[in-house]
Amino acid sequence: VQLVESGGGSAQAGGSLRLSCAVLGPLYGSRCLGWFRQPPGKARERVAAIDRYGSSNYADSVKDRFIISQDIAKNEVYLEMNGLKPEGTSMYFCAGDPSGTCHNFRHWGRGTQVTISS
């Protein structure tokens, strides 16, 4: 299974960016897809996750600003990021959990950089 992120880049605070992640390979059945981020020198943070049935959850820091969605037919997951803040500058990673529990992410993309300027 390979996960490939795209859509990162630079934006100003208050702006928006949309990240995409293509899941290449068999990640069938019950599965959960998530977005994580890791700022330089800091721990990785779970941003949002969505299971196959569309149930989603968010970190408190992004709730009401970010939206995770998926296209099951295309095997893709997206992260719409609004109200961007400079502290959101980070490498963003897409991850897949074949168990579907959203607590066992085993497949990871290489990440896409997001830089937010004030």
C-alpha atoms as a PDB file:
ATOM      1  CA  VAL A   1       0.000   0.000   0.000  1.00  0.00           C
ATOM      2  CA  GLN A   2       1.328   3.409  -0.949  1.00  0.00           C
ATOM      3  CA  LEU A   3      -0.094   6.757   0.086  1.00  0.00           C
ATOM      4  CA  VAL A   4       0.785   9.848  -1.936  1.00  0.00           C
ATOM      5  CA  GLU A   5       0.000  13.320  -0.644  1.00  0.00           C
ATOM      6  CA  SER A   6      -0.358  16.446  -2.730  1.00  0.00           C
ATOM      7  CA  GLY A   7      -1.635  19.977  -2.383  1.00  0.00           C
ATOM      8  CA  GLY A   8       0.750  21.400   0.161  1.00  0.00           C
ATOM      9  CA  GLY A   9       2.393  24.763  -0.277  1.00  0.00           C
ATOM     10  CA  SER A  10       2.400  28.234   1.149  1.00  0.00           C
ATOM     11  CA  ALA A  11      -0.510  30.334   2.268  1.00  0.00           C
ATOM     12  CA  GLN A  12      -1.173  33.361   4.394  1.00  0.00           C
ATOM     13  CA  ALA A  13      -2.832  33.220   7.761  1.00  0.00           C
ATOM     14  CA  GLY A  14      -6.571  33.138   7.368  1.00  0.00           C
ATOM     15  CA  GLY A  15      -6.335  31.498   3.983  1.00  0.00           C
ATOM     16  CA  SER A  16      -7.162  28.010   2.804  1.00  0.00           C
ATOM     17  CA  LEU A  17      -5.423  24.988   1.365  1.00  0.00           C
ATOM     18  CA  ARG A  18      -6.687  21.594   0.277  1.00  0.00           C
ATOM     19  CA  LEU A  19      -4.594  18.486   0.673  1.00  0.00           C
ATOM     20  CA  SER A  20      -5.218  15.285  -1.233  1.00  0.00           C
ATOM     21  CA  CYS A  21      -4.008  11.759  -0.622  1.00  0.00           C
ATOM     22  CA  ALA A  22      -4.212   8.938  -3.124  1.00  0.00           C
ATOM     23  CA  VAL A  23      -4.201   5.409  -1.693  1.00  0.00           C
ATOM     24  CA  LEU A  24      -2.461   3.089  -4.126  1.00  0.00           C
ATOM     25  CA  GLY A  25      -2.840  -0.591  -3.468  1.00  0.00           C
ATOM     26  CA  PRO A  26      -5.167  -2.813  -1.493  1.00  0.00           C
ATOM     27  CA  LEU A  27      -6.567  -1.130   1.588  1.00  0.00           C
ATOM     28  CA  TYR A  28      -9.933  -2.785   1.395  1.00  0.00           C
ATOM     29  CA  GLY A  29     -12.763  -3.452   3.724  1.00  0.00           C
ATOM     30  CA  SER A  30     -12.980  -1.656   6.998  1.00  0.00           C
ATOM     31  CA  ARG A  31     -10.320   0.954   6.987  1.00  0.00           C
ATOM     32  CA  CYS A  32      -9.619   4.394   8.349  1.00  0.00           C
ATOM     33  CA  LEU A  33      -7.681   7.193   6.676  1.00  0.00           C
ATOM     34  CA  GLY A  34      -6.171  10.038   8.595  1.00  0.00           C
ATOM     35  CA  TRP A  35      -4.103  13.178   8.413  1.00  0.00           C
ATOM     36  CA  PHE A  36      -1.267  13.895  10.796  1.00  0.00           C
ATOM     37  CA  ARG A  37       1.202  16.744  11.061  1.00  0.00           C
ATOM     38  CA  GLN A  38       4.590  17.166  12.630  1.00  0.00           C
ATOM     39  CA  PRO A  39       6.060  20.638  13.046  1.00  0.00           C
ATOM     40  CA  PRO A  40       9.849  20.896  13.171  1.00  0.00           C
ATOM     41  CA  GLY A  41      11.177  19.697  16.513  1.00  0.00           C
ATOM     42  CA  LYS A  42       7.755  18.716  17.795  1.00  0.00           C
ATOM     43  CA  ALA A  43       5.774  15.523  18.204  1.00  0.00           C
ATOM     44  CA  ARG A  44       3.476  14.225  15.525  1.00  0.00           C
ATOM     45  CA  GLU A  45      -0.112  15.315  15.993  1.00  0.00           C
ATOM     46  CA  ARG A  46      -3.203  13.612  14.693  1.00  0.00           C
ATOM     47  CA  VAL A  47      -5.262  16.185  12.798  1.00  0.00           C
ATOM     48  CA  ALA A  48      -8.293  14.303  11.507  1.00  0.00           C
ATOM     49  CA  ALA A  49      -9.458  10.841  10.560  1.00  0.00           C
ATOM     50  CA  ILE A  50     -12.362   9.322   8.674  1.00  0.00           C
ATOM     51  CA  ASP A  51     -13.494   5.737   8.501  1.00  0.00           C
ATOM     52  CA  ARG A  52     -14.991   3.945   5.539  1.00  0.00           C
ATOM     53  CA  TYR A  53     -18.498   4.781   6.688  1.00  0.00           C
ATOM     54  CA  GLY A  54     -17.798   8.504   6.838  1.00  0.00           C
ATOM     55  CA  SER A  55     -17.481   8.914  10.569  1.00  0.00           C
ATOM     56  CA  SER A  56     -14.836  11.547  11.237  1.00  0.00           C
ATOM     57  CA  ASN A  57     -13.052  13.139  14.144  1.00  0.00           C
ATOM     58  CA  TYR A  58     -10.747  16.107  14.559  1.00  0.00           C
ATOM     59  CA  ALA A  59      -8.105  17.470  16.855  1.00  0.00           C
ATOM     60  CA  ASP A  60      -9.462  20.283  19.011  1.00  0.00           C
ATOM     61  CA  SER A  61      -6.921  22.641  17.441  1.00  0.00           C
ATOM     62  CA  VAL A  62      -8.487  22.297  13.993  1.00  0.00           C
ATOM     63  CA  LYS A  63     -12.115  21.585  14.796  1.00  0.00           C
ATOM     64  CA  ASP A  64     -14.513  23.906  12.953  1.00  0.00           C
ATOM     65  CA  ARG A  65     -11.730  24.963  10.544  1.00  0.00           C
ATOM     66  CA  PHE A  66     -10.624  21.754   8.827  1.00  0.00           C
ATOM     67  CA  ILE A  67     -12.798  19.259   6.984  1.00  0.00           C
ATOM     68  CA  ILE A  68     -11.759  15.716   6.138  1.00  0.00           C
ATOM     69  CA  SER A  69     -13.549  13.951   3.308  1.00  0.00           C
ATOM     70  CA  GLN A  70     -13.046  10.974   1.045  1.00  0.00           C
ATOM     71  CA  ASP A  71     -13.886   9.594  -2.347  1.00  0.00           C
ATOM     72  CA  ILE A  72     -14.173   5.859  -1.839  1.00  0.00           C
ATOM     73  CA  ALA A  73     -14.452   5.125  -5.556  1.00  0.00           C
ATOM     74  CA  LYS A  74     -11.177   6.952  -6.212  1.00  0.00           C
ATOM     75  CA  ASN A  75      -9.602   5.691  -2.970  1.00  0.00           C
ATOM     76  CA  GLU A  76      -8.644   9.214  -2.024  1.00  0.00           C
ATOM     77  CA  VAL A  77      -8.902  11.293   1.118  1.00  0.00           C
ATOM     78  CA  TYR A  78      -8.819  15.076   1.378  1.00  0.00           C
ATOM     79  CA  LEU A  79      -8.215  17.710   4.003  1.00  0.00           C
ATOM     80  CA  GLU A  80      -9.787  21.096   3.455  1.00  0.00           C
ATOM     81  CA  MET A  81      -7.966  23.557   5.687  1.00  0.00           C
ATOM     82  CA  ASN A  82      -9.552  26.930   6.352  1.00  0.00           C
ATOM     83  CA  GLY A  83      -8.664  29.724   8.712  1.00  0.00           C
ATOM     84  CA  LEU A  84      -5.020  28.766   8.488  1.00  0.00           C
ATOM     85  CA  LYS A  85      -2.753  29.802  11.339  1.00  0.00           C
ATOM     86  CA  PRO A  86       1.057  30.188  11.371  1.00  0.00           C
ATOM     87  CA  GLU A  87       1.290  27.431  13.996  1.00  0.00           C
ATOM     88  CA  GLY A  88      -0.141  25.105  11.376  1.00  0.00           C
ATOM     89  CA  THR A  89       3.157  25.232   9.507  1.00  0.00           C
ATOM     90  CA  SER A  90       4.181  21.622   9.362  1.00  0.00           C
ATOM     91  CA  MET A  91       4.728  18.543   7.287  1.00  0.00           C
ATOM     92  CA  TYR A  92       1.350  16.901   6.786  1.00  0.00           C
ATOM     93  CA  PHE A  93       1.127  13.145   6.420  1.00  0.00           C
ATOM     94  CA  CYS A  94      -1.629  10.884   5.166  1.00  0.00           C
ATOM     95  CA  ALA A  95      -1.980   7.538   6.921  1.00  0.00           C
ATOM     96  CA  GLY A  96      -4.012   4.378   6.553  1.00  0.00           C
ATOM     97  CA  ASP A  97      -5.331   2.036   9.232  1.00  0.00           C
ATOM     98  CA  PRO A  98      -6.448  -1.293   7.753  1.00  0.00           C
ATOM     99  CA  SER A  99      -8.200  -2.284  10.980  1.00  0.00           C
ATOM    100  CA  GLY A 100     -10.737   0.487  10.595  1.00  0.00           C
ATOM    101  CA  THR A 101     -10.484   1.478  14.247  1.00  0.00           C
ATOM    102  CA  CYS A 102      -8.607   4.720  13.491  1.00  0.00           C
ATOM    103  CA  HIS A 103      -6.095   3.738  16.178  1.00  0.00           C
ATOM    104  CA  ASN A 104      -3.723   1.517  14.235  1.00  0.00           C
ATOM    105  CA  PHE A 105      -2.234   3.548  11.396  1.00  0.00           C
ATOM    106  CA  ARG A 106       0.294   1.339   9.675  1.00  0.00           C
ATOM    107  CA  HIS A 107       0.690   2.878   6.243  1.00  0.00           C
ATOM    108  CA  TRP A 108       2.168   6.327   5.795  1.00  0.00           C
ATOM    109  CA  GLY A 109       2.801   8.743   2.989  1.00  0.00           C
ATOM    110  CA  ARG A 110       5.960  10.784   2.669  1.00  0.00           C
ATOM    111  CA  GLY A 111       4.228  13.999   3.563  1.00  0.00           C
ATOM    112  CA  THR A 112       3.571  17.369   2.014  1.00  0.00           C
ATOM    113  CA  GLN A 113       4.860  20.641   3.438  1.00  0.00           C
ATOM    114  CA  VAL A 114       2.442  23.362   4.476  1.00  0.00           C
ATOM    115  CA  THR A 115       3.839  26.777   5.367  1.00  0.00           C
ATOM    116  CA  ILE A 116       1.624  29.498   6.789  1.00  0.00           C
ATOM    117  CA  SER A 117       2.871  33.056   6.949  1.00  0.00           C
ATOM    118  CA  SER A 118       1.461  35.707   9.248  1.00  0.00           C
END
